[in-house]
PDB file of N, CA and C in Angstrom:
ATOM      1  N   UNK A   1     -12.756  25.881   8.734  1.00  0.00           N
ATOM      2  CA  UNK A   1     -13.525  24.857   8.054  1.00  0.00           C
ATOM      3  C   UNK A   1     -12.795  24.447   6.778  1.00  0.00           C
ATOM      4  N   UNK A   2     -12.736  23.164   6.566  1.00  0.00           N
ATOM      5  CA  UNK A   2     -12.124  22.614   5.374  1.00  0.00           C
ATOM      6  C   UNK A   2     -13.100  21.647   4.720  1.00  0.00           C
ATOM      7  N   UNK A   3     -13.051  21.588   3.398  1.00  0.00           N
ATOM      8  CA  UNK A   3     -13.788  20.556   2.681  1.00  0.00           C
ATOM      9  C   UNK A   3     -12.758  19.515   2.277  1.00  0.00           C
ATOM     10  N   UNK A   4     -12.938  18.296   2.775  1.00  0.00           N
ATOM     11  CA  UNK A   4     -11.972  17.229   2.605  1.00  0.00           C
ATOM     12  C   UNK A   4     -12.616  16.099   1.802  1.00  0.00           C
ATOM     13  N   UNK A   5     -11.875  15.580   0.818  1.00  0.00           N
ATOM     14  CA  UNK A   5     -12.341  14.418   0.073  1.00  0.00           C
ATOM     15  C   UNK A   5     -11.662  13.179   0.630  1.00  0.00           C
ATOM     16  N   UNK A   6     -12.463  12.220   1.078  1.00  0.00           N
ATOM     17  CA  UNK A   6     -11.959  10.957   1.612  1.00  0.00           C
ATOM     18  C   UNK A   6     -12.188   9.877   0.570  1.00  0.00           C
ATOM     19  N   UNK A   7     -11.143   9.113   0.294  1.00  0.00           N
ATOM     20  CA  UNK A   7     -11.235   7.991  -0.636  1.00  0.00           C
ATOM     21  C   UNK A   7     -10.933   6.734   0.164  1.00  0.00           C
ATOM     22  N   UNK A   8     -11.955   5.910   0.372  1.00  0.00           N
ATOM     23  CA  UNK A   8     -11.844   4.736   1.241  1.00  0.00           C
ATOM     24  C   UNK A   8     -11.991   3.478   0.390  1.00  0.00           C
ATOM     25  N   UNK A   9     -11.020   2.576   0.513  1.00  0.00           N
ATOM     26  CA  UNK A   9     -11.080   1.287  -0.168  1.00  0.00           C
ATOM     27  C   UNK A   9     -11.044   0.207   0.891  1.00  0.00           C
ATOM     28  N   UNK A  10     -12.050  -0.665   0.865  1.00  0.00           N
ATOM     29  CA  UNK A  10     -12.135  -1.719   1.867  1.00  0.00           C
ATOM     30  C   UNK A  10     -12.790  -2.953   1.285  1.00  0.00           C
ATOM     31  N   UNK A  11     -12.590  -4.102   1.936  1.00  0.00           N
ATOM     32  CA  UNK A  11     -13.199  -5.335   1.435  1.00  0.00           C
ATOM     33  C   UNK A  11     -14.724  -5.248   1.428  1.00  0.00           C
ATOM     34  N   UNK A  12     -15.326  -5.745   0.356  1.00  0.00           N
ATOM     35  CA  UNK A  12     -16.771  -5.638   0.190  1.00  0.00           C
ATOM     36  C   UNK A  12     -17.528  -6.418   1.253  1.00  0.00           C
ATOM     37  N   UNK A  13     -17.002  -7.561   1.669  1.00  0.00           N
ATOM     38  CA  UNK A  13     -17.728  -8.417   2.602  1.00  0.00           C
ATOM     39  C   UNK A  13     -17.905  -7.789   3.982  1.00  0.00           C
ATOM     40  N   UNK A  14     -16.975  -6.975   4.448  1.00  0.00           N
ATOM     41  CA  UNK A  14     -17.098  -6.362   5.765  1.00  0.00           C
ATOM     42  C   UNK A  14     -17.527  -4.914   5.722  1.00  0.00           C
ATOM     43  N   UNK A  15     -18.015  -4.467   4.583  1.00  0.00           N
ATOM     44  CA  UNK A  15     -18.331  -3.061   4.388  1.00  0.00           C
ATOM     45  C   UNK A  15     -19.464  -2.571   5.278  1.00  0.00           C
ATOM     46  N   UNK A  16     -20.464  -3.378   5.514  1.00  0.00           N
ATOM     47  CA  UNK A  16     -21.632  -2.946   6.288  1.00  0.00           C
ATOM     48  C   UNK A  16     -21.298  -2.573   7.713  1.00  0.00           C
ATOM     49  N   UNK A  17     -20.492  -3.390   8.391  1.00  0.00           N
ATOM     50  CA  UNK A  17     -20.124  -3.089   9.780  1.00  0.00           C
ATOM     51  C   UNK A  17     -19.288  -1.817   9.869  1.00  0.00           C
ATOM     52  N   UNK A  18     -18.384  -1.644   8.919  1.00  0.00           N
ATOM     53  CA  UNK A  18     -17.497  -0.487   8.940  1.00  0.00           C
ATOM     54  C   UNK A  18     -18.264   0.789   8.619  1.00  0.00           C
ATOM     55  N   UNK A  19     -19.209   0.715   7.680  1.00  0.00           N
ATOM     56  CA  UNK A  19     -19.968   1.909   7.304  1.00  0.00           C
ATOM     57  C   UNK A  19     -20.817   2.440   8.450  1.00  0.00           C
ATOM     58  N   UNK A  20     -21.330   1.569   9.292  1.00  0.00           N
ATOM     59  CA  UNK A  20     -22.119   2.022  10.440  1.00  0.00           C
ATOM     60  C   UNK A  20     -21.283   2.852  11.402  1.00  0.00           C
ATOM     61  N   UNK A  21     -20.093   2.368  11.714  1.00  0.00           N
ATOM     62  CA  UNK A  21     -19.223   3.115  12.630  1.00  0.00           C
ATOM     63  C   UNK A  21     -18.653   4.356  11.960  1.00  0.00           C
ATOM     64  N   UNK A  22     -18.408   4.286  10.652  1.00  0.00           N
ATOM     65  CA  UNK A  22     -17.903   5.434   9.909  1.00  0.00           C
ATOM     66  C   UNK A  22     -18.939   6.554   9.894  1.00  0.00           C
ATOM     67  N   UNK A  23     -20.201   6.180   9.714  1.00  0.00           N
ATOM     68  CA  UNK A  23     -21.281   7.160   9.666  1.00  0.00           C
ATOM     69  C   UNK A  23     -21.430   7.895  10.995  1.00  0.00           C
ATOM     70  N   UNK A  24     -21.189   7.215  12.116  1.00  0.00           N
ATOM     71  CA  UNK A  24     -21.281   7.871  13.418  1.00  0.00           C
ATOM     72  C   UNK A  24     -20.262   9.002  13.547  1.00  0.00           C
ATOM     73  N   UNK A  25     -19.104   8.864  12.918  1.00  0.00           N
ATOM     74  CA  UNK A  25     -18.052   9.879  13.008  1.00  0.00           C
ATOM     75  C   UNK A  25     -18.322  11.089  12.118  1.00  0.00           C
ATOM     76  N   UNK A  26     -18.933  10.879  10.958  1.00  0.00           N
ATOM     77  CA  UNK A  26     -19.088  11.973   9.998  1.00  0.00           C
ATOM     78  C   UNK A  26     -20.537  12.419   9.818  1.00  0.00           C
ATOM     79  N   UNK A  27     -21.419  12.005  10.700  1.00  0.00           N
ATOM     80  CA  UNK A  27     -22.835  12.368  10.589  1.00  0.00           C
ATOM     81  C   UNK A  27     -23.003  13.884  10.633  1.00  0.00           C
ATOM     82  N   UNK A  28     -23.755  14.423   9.701  1.00  0.00           N
ATOM     83  CA  UNK A  28     -24.038  15.849   9.646  1.00  0.00           C
ATOM     84  C   UNK A  28     -22.948  16.659   8.968  1.00  0.00           C
ATOM     85  N   UNK A  29     -21.846  16.037   8.563  1.00  0.00           N
ATOM     86  CA  UNK A  29     -20.738  16.747   7.937  1.00  0.00           C
ATOM     87  C   UNK A  29     -20.563  16.381   6.464  1.00  0.00           C
ATOM     88  N   UNK A  30     -21.325  15.416   5.970  1.00  0.00           N
ATOM     89  CA  UNK A  30     -21.161  14.908   4.607  1.00  0.00           C
ATOM     90  C   UNK A  30     -21.806  15.864   3.610  1.00  0.00           C
ATOM     91  N   UNK A  31     -21.030  16.259   2.599  1.00  0.00           N
ATOM     92  CA  UNK A  31     -21.568  17.079   1.512  1.00  0.00           C
ATOM     93  C   UNK A  31     -21.961  16.232   0.321  1.00  0.00           C
ATOM     94  N   UNK A  32     -21.134  15.220   0.004  1.00  0.00           N
ATOM     95  CA  UNK A  32     -21.381  14.379  -1.162  1.00  0.00           C
ATOM     96  C   UNK A  32     -20.760  13.013  -0.898  1.00  0.00           C
ATOM     97  N   UNK A  33     -21.394  11.956  -1.390  1.00  0.00           N
ATOM     98  CA  UNK A  33     -20.872  10.610  -1.181  1.00  0.00           C
ATOM     99  C   UNK A  33     -21.187   9.755  -2.410  1.00  0.00           C
ATOM    100  N   UNK A  34     -20.222   8.921  -2.786  1.00  0.00           N
ATOM    101  CA  UNK A  34     -20.380   8.007  -3.920  1.00  0.00           C
ATOM    102  C   UNK A  34     -19.917   6.621  -3.502  1.00  0.00           C
ATOM    103  N   UNK A  35     -20.731   5.616  -3.799  1.00  0.00           N
ATOM    104  CA  UNK A  35     -20.379   4.221  -3.566  1.00  0.00           C
ATOM    105  C   UNK A  35     -20.100   3.588  -4.923  1.00  0.00           C
ATOM    106  N   UNK A  36     -18.920   2.998  -5.075  1.00  0.00           N
ATOM    107  CA  UNK A  36     -18.559   2.341  -6.314  1.00  0.00           C
ATOM    108  C   UNK A  36     -18.679   0.829  -6.140  1.00  0.00           C
ATOM    109  N   UNK A  37     -19.044   0.113  -7.186  1.00  0.00           N
ATOM    110  CA  UNK A  37     -19.184  -1.348  -7.075  1.00  0.00           C
ATOM    111  C   UNK A  37     -17.832  -2.009  -6.809  1.00  0.00           C
ATOM    112  N   UNK A  38     -17.850  -3.206  -6.249  1.00  0.00           N
ATOM    113  CA  UNK A  38     -16.579  -3.877  -5.947  1.00  0.00           C
ATOM    114  C   UNK A  38     -15.847  -4.297  -7.223  1.00  0.00           C
ATOM    115  N   UNK A  39     -14.525  -4.345  -7.109  1.00  0.00           N
ATOM    116  CA  UNK A  39     -13.696  -4.818  -8.213  1.00  0.00           C
ATOM    117  C   UNK A  39     -13.710  -6.340  -8.238  1.00  0.00           C
ATOM    118  N   UNK A  40     -13.007  -6.932  -9.162  1.00  0.00           N
ATOM    119  CA  UNK A  40     -12.933  -8.387  -9.237  1.00  0.00           C
ATOM    120  C   UNK A  40     -12.251  -8.984  -8.019  1.00  0.00           C
ATOM    121  N   UNK A  41     -11.380  -8.206  -7.370  1.00  0.00           N
ATOM    122  CA  UNK A  41     -10.700  -8.669  -6.161  1.00  0.00           C
ATOM    123  C   UNK A  41     -11.569  -8.538  -4.916  1.00  0.00           C
ATOM    124  N   UNK A  42     -12.737  -7.909  -5.023  1.00  0.00           N
ATOM    125  CA  UNK A  42     -13.651  -7.757  -3.894  1.00  0.00           C
ATOM    126  C   UNK A  42     -13.407  -6.503  -3.085  1.00  0.00           C
ATOM    127  N   UNK A  43     -12.750  -5.504  -3.677  1.00  0.00           N
ATOM    128  CA  UNK A  43     -12.470  -4.249  -2.985  1.00  0.00           C
ATOM    129  C   UNK A  43     -13.512  -3.215  -3.407  1.00  0.00           C
ATOM    130  N   UNK A  44     -14.192  -2.647  -2.431  1.00  0.00           N
ATOM    131  CA  UNK A  44     -15.210  -1.640  -2.666  1.00  0.00           C
ATOM    132  C   UNK A  44     -14.619  -0.260  -2.388  1.00  0.00           C
ATOM    133  N   UNK A  45     -15.065   0.744  -3.142  1.00  0.00           N
ATOM    134  CA  UNK A  45     -14.543   2.098  -2.969  1.00  0.00           C
ATOM    135  C   UNK A  45     -15.676   3.045  -2.599  1.00  0.00           C
ATOM    136  N   UNK A  46     -15.391   3.914  -1.637  1.00  0.00           N
ATOM    137  CA  UNK A  46     -16.334   4.942  -1.195  1.00  0.00           C
ATOM    138  C   UNK A  46     -15.598   6.273  -1.265  1.00  0.00           C
ATOM    139  N   UNK A  47     -16.195   7.230  -1.935  1.00  0.00           N
ATOM    140  CA  UNK A  47     -15.588   8.551  -2.033  1.00  0.00           C
ATOM    141  C   UNK A  47     -16.575   9.557  -1.468  1.00  0.00           C
ATOM    142  N   UNK A  48     -16.135  10.335  -0.483  1.00  0.00           N
ATOM    143  CA  UNK A  48     -17.044  11.297   0.132  1.00  0.00           C
ATOM    144  C   UNK A  48     -16.352  12.622   0.388  1.00  0.00           C
ATOM    145  N   UNK A  49     -17.148  13.672   0.338  1.00  0.00           N
ATOM    146  CA  UNK A  49     -16.685  15.013   0.690  1.00  0.00           C
ATOM    147  C   UNK A  49     -17.291  15.358   2.044  1.00  0.00           C
ATOM    148  N   UNK A  50     -16.420  15.813   2.941  1.00  0.00           N
ATOM    149  CA  UNK A  50     -16.823  16.088   4.315  1.00  0.00           C
ATOM    150  C   UNK A  50     -16.370  17.494   4.695  1.00  0.00           C
ATOM    151  N   UNK A  51     -17.210  18.222   5.412  1.00  0.00           N
ATOM    152  CA  UNK A  51     -16.839  19.520   5.965  1.00  0.00           C
ATOM    153  C   UNK A  51     -16.305  19.268   7.373  1.00  0.00           C
ATOM    154  N   UNK A  52     -15.040  19.644   7.607  1.00  0.00           N
ATOM    155  CA  UNK A  52     -14.383  19.306   8.867  1.00  0.00           C
ATOM    156  C   UNK A  52     -13.499  20.453   9.328  1.00  0.00           C
ATOM    157  N   UNK A  53     -13.408  20.637  10.651  1.00  0.00           N
ATOM    158  CA  UNK A  53     -12.515  21.638  11.226  1.00  0.00           C
ATOM    159  C   UNK A  53     -11.096  21.114  11.351  1.00  0.00           C
ATOM    160  N   UNK A  54     -10.949  19.882  11.832  1.00  0.00           N
ATOM    161  CA  UNK A  54      -9.639  19.300  12.097  1.00  0.00           C
ATOM    162  C   UNK A  54      -9.495  18.006  11.296  1.00  0.00           C
ATOM    163  N   UNK A  55      -9.041  18.127  10.045  1.00  0.00           N
ATOM    164  CA  UNK A  55      -8.959  16.971   9.147  1.00  0.00           C
ATOM    165  C   UNK A  55      -7.960  15.910   9.615  1.00  0.00           C
ATOM    166  N   UNK A  56      -6.767  16.260  10.108  1.00  0.00           N
ATOM    167  CA  UNK A  56      -5.841  15.210  10.563  1.00  0.00           C
ATOM    168  C   UNK A  56      -6.398  14.375  11.722  1.00  0.00           C
ATOM    169  N   UNK A  57      -7.144  14.994  12.629  1.00  0.00           N
ATOM    170  CA  UNK A  57      -7.740  14.257  13.741  1.00  0.00           C
ATOM    171  C   UNK A  57      -8.815  13.298  13.225  1.00  0.00           C
ATOM    172  N   UNK A  58      -9.625  13.758  12.276  1.00  0.00           N
ATOM    173  CA  UNK A  58     -10.644  12.901  11.676  1.00  0.00           C
ATOM    174  C   UNK A  58      -9.995  11.722  10.960  1.00  0.00           C
ATOM    175  N   UNK A  59      -8.918  11.965  10.246  1.00  0.00           N
ATOM    176  CA  UNK A  59      -8.235  10.895   9.533  1.00  0.00           C
ATOM    177  C   UNK A  59      -7.674   9.852  10.492  1.00  0.00           C
ATOM    178  N   UNK A  60      -7.119  10.276  11.607  1.00  0.00           N
ATOM    179  CA  UNK A  60      -6.588   9.307  12.572  1.00  0.00           C
ATOM    180  C   UNK A  60      -7.705   8.478  13.204  1.00  0.00           C
ATOM    181  N   UNK A  61      -8.866   9.083  13.460  1.00  0.00           N
ATOM    182  CA  UNK A  61     -10.007   8.334  13.999  1.00  0.00           C
ATOM    183  C   UNK A  61     -10.537   7.318  12.988  1.00  0.00           C
ATOM    184  N   UNK A  62     -10.585   7.707  11.718  1.00  0.00           N
ATOM    185  CA  UNK A  62     -11.087   6.808  10.692  1.00  0.00           C
ATOM    186  C   UNK A  62     -10.128   5.655  10.438  1.00  0.00           C
ATOM    187  N   UNK A  63      -8.830   5.891  10.573  1.00  0.00           N
ATOM    188  CA  UNK A  63      -7.853   4.809  10.395  1.00  0.00           C
ATOM    189  C   UNK A  63      -8.000   3.750  11.478  1.00  0.00           C
ATOM    190  N   UNK A  64      -8.450   4.148  12.666  1.00  0.00           N
ATOM    191  CA  UNK A  64      -8.701   3.176  13.729  1.00  0.00           C
ATOM    192  C   UNK A  64      -9.894   2.288  13.380  1.00  0.00           C
ATOM    193  N   UNK A  65     -10.883   2.848  12.696  1.00  0.00           N
ATOM    194  CA  UNK A  65     -12.079   2.098  12.316  1.00  0.00           C
ATOM    195  C   UNK A  65     -11.782   1.178  11.124  1.00  0.00           C
ATOM    196  N   UNK A  66     -11.074   1.704  10.129  1.00  0.00           N
ATOM    197  CA  UNK A  66     -10.796   0.965   8.894  1.00  0.00           C
ATOM    198  C   UNK A  66      -9.427   0.310   9.032  1.00  0.00           C
ATOM    199  N   UNK A  67      -9.401  -0.890   9.572  1.00  0.00           N
ATOM    200  CA  UNK A  67      -8.127  -1.560   9.844  1.00  0.00           C
ATOM    201  C   UNK A  67      -7.594  -2.326   8.643  1.00  0.00           C
ATOM    202  N   UNK A  68      -8.425  -3.043   7.927  1.00  0.00           N
ATOM    203  CA  UNK A  68      -7.938  -3.825   6.796  1.00  0.00           C
ATOM    204  C   UNK A  68      -8.312  -3.180   5.464  1.00  0.00           C
ATOM    205  N   UNK A  69      -8.435  -1.875   5.460  1.00  0.00           N
ATOM    206  CA  UNK A  69      -8.719  -1.116   4.253  1.00  0.00           C
ATOM    207  C   UNK A  69      -7.684  -0.033   4.070  1.00  0.00           C
ATOM    208  N   UNK A  70      -7.943   0.855   3.152  1.00  0.00           N
ATOM    209  CA  UNK A  70      -7.015   1.933   2.837  1.00  0.00           C
ATOM    210  C   UNK A  70      -7.810   3.223   2.748  1.00  0.00           C
ATOM    211  N   UNK A  71      -7.257   4.289   3.320  1.00  0.00           N
ATOM    212  CA  UNK A  71      -7.938   5.580   3.278  1.00  0.00           C
ATOM    213  C   UNK A  71      -6.938   6.656   2.881  1.00  0.00           C
ATOM    214  N   UNK A  72      -7.348   7.505   1.954  1.00  0.00           N
ATOM    215  CA  UNK A  72      -6.550   8.665   1.568  1.00  0.00           C
ATOM    216  C   UNK A  72      -7.454   9.887   1.606  1.00  0.00           C
ATOM    217  N   UNK A  73      -6.835  11.041   1.750  1.00  0.00           N
ATOM    218  CA  UNK A  73      -7.637  12.261   1.764  1.00  0.00           C
ATOM    219  C   UNK A  73      -6.887  13.390   1.094  1.00  0.00           C
ATOM    220  N   UNK A  74      -7.647  14.368   0.640  1.00  0.00           N
ATOM    221  CA  UNK A  74      -7.050  15.599   0.137  1.00  0.00           C
ATOM    222  C   UNK A  74      -7.992  16.741   0.477  1.00  0.00           C
ATOM    223  N   UNK A  75      -7.415  17.877   0.759  1.00  0.00           N
ATOM    224  CA  UNK A  75      -8.177  19.064   1.118  1.00  0.00           C
ATOM    225  C   UNK A  75      -8.577  19.762  -0.182  1.00  0.00           C
ATOM    226  N   UNK A  76      -9.875  19.921  -0.379  1.00  0.00           N
ATOM    227  CA  UNK A  76     -10.382  20.567  -1.578  1.00  0.00           C
ATOM    228  C   UNK A  76     -10.424  22.075  -1.449  1.00  0.00           C
ATOM    229  N   UNK A  77     -10.838  22.570  -0.270  1.00  0.00           N
ATOM    230  CA  UNK A  77     -10.864  24.010  -0.059  1.00  0.00           C
ATOM    231  C   UNK A  77     -10.841  24.312   1.432  1.00  0.00           C
ATOM    232  N   UNK A  78     -10.401  25.503   1.737  1.00  0.00           N
ATOM    233  CA  UNK A  78     -10.379  25.967   3.124  1.00  0.00           C
ATOM    234  C   UNK A  78     -11.185  27.245   3.202  1.00  0.00           C
ATOM    235  N   UNK A  79     -11.964  27.355   4.287  1.00  0.00           N
ATOM    236  CA  UNK A  79     -12.790  28.548   4.446  1.00  0.00           C
ATOM    237  C   UNK A  79     -12.534  29.181   5.788  1.00  0.00           C
TER     238      UNK A  79
END
């Protein structure tokens, strides 16, 4: 088990559709989540902590969902 912090930046206008599909992938694994307001350029940021067994596989699945956004992750702890 790993606790992974995901930092997702995506356009504010398409955020609703992406969040629905994103939630299906991480349902029941979220420890903490923060939604930040959009910047002047219209980029919204979401930062969440997720408990995951296979973080690289989760990251590859999320990159398929978030096509015109940016996602980064870091492992906070391993158990």
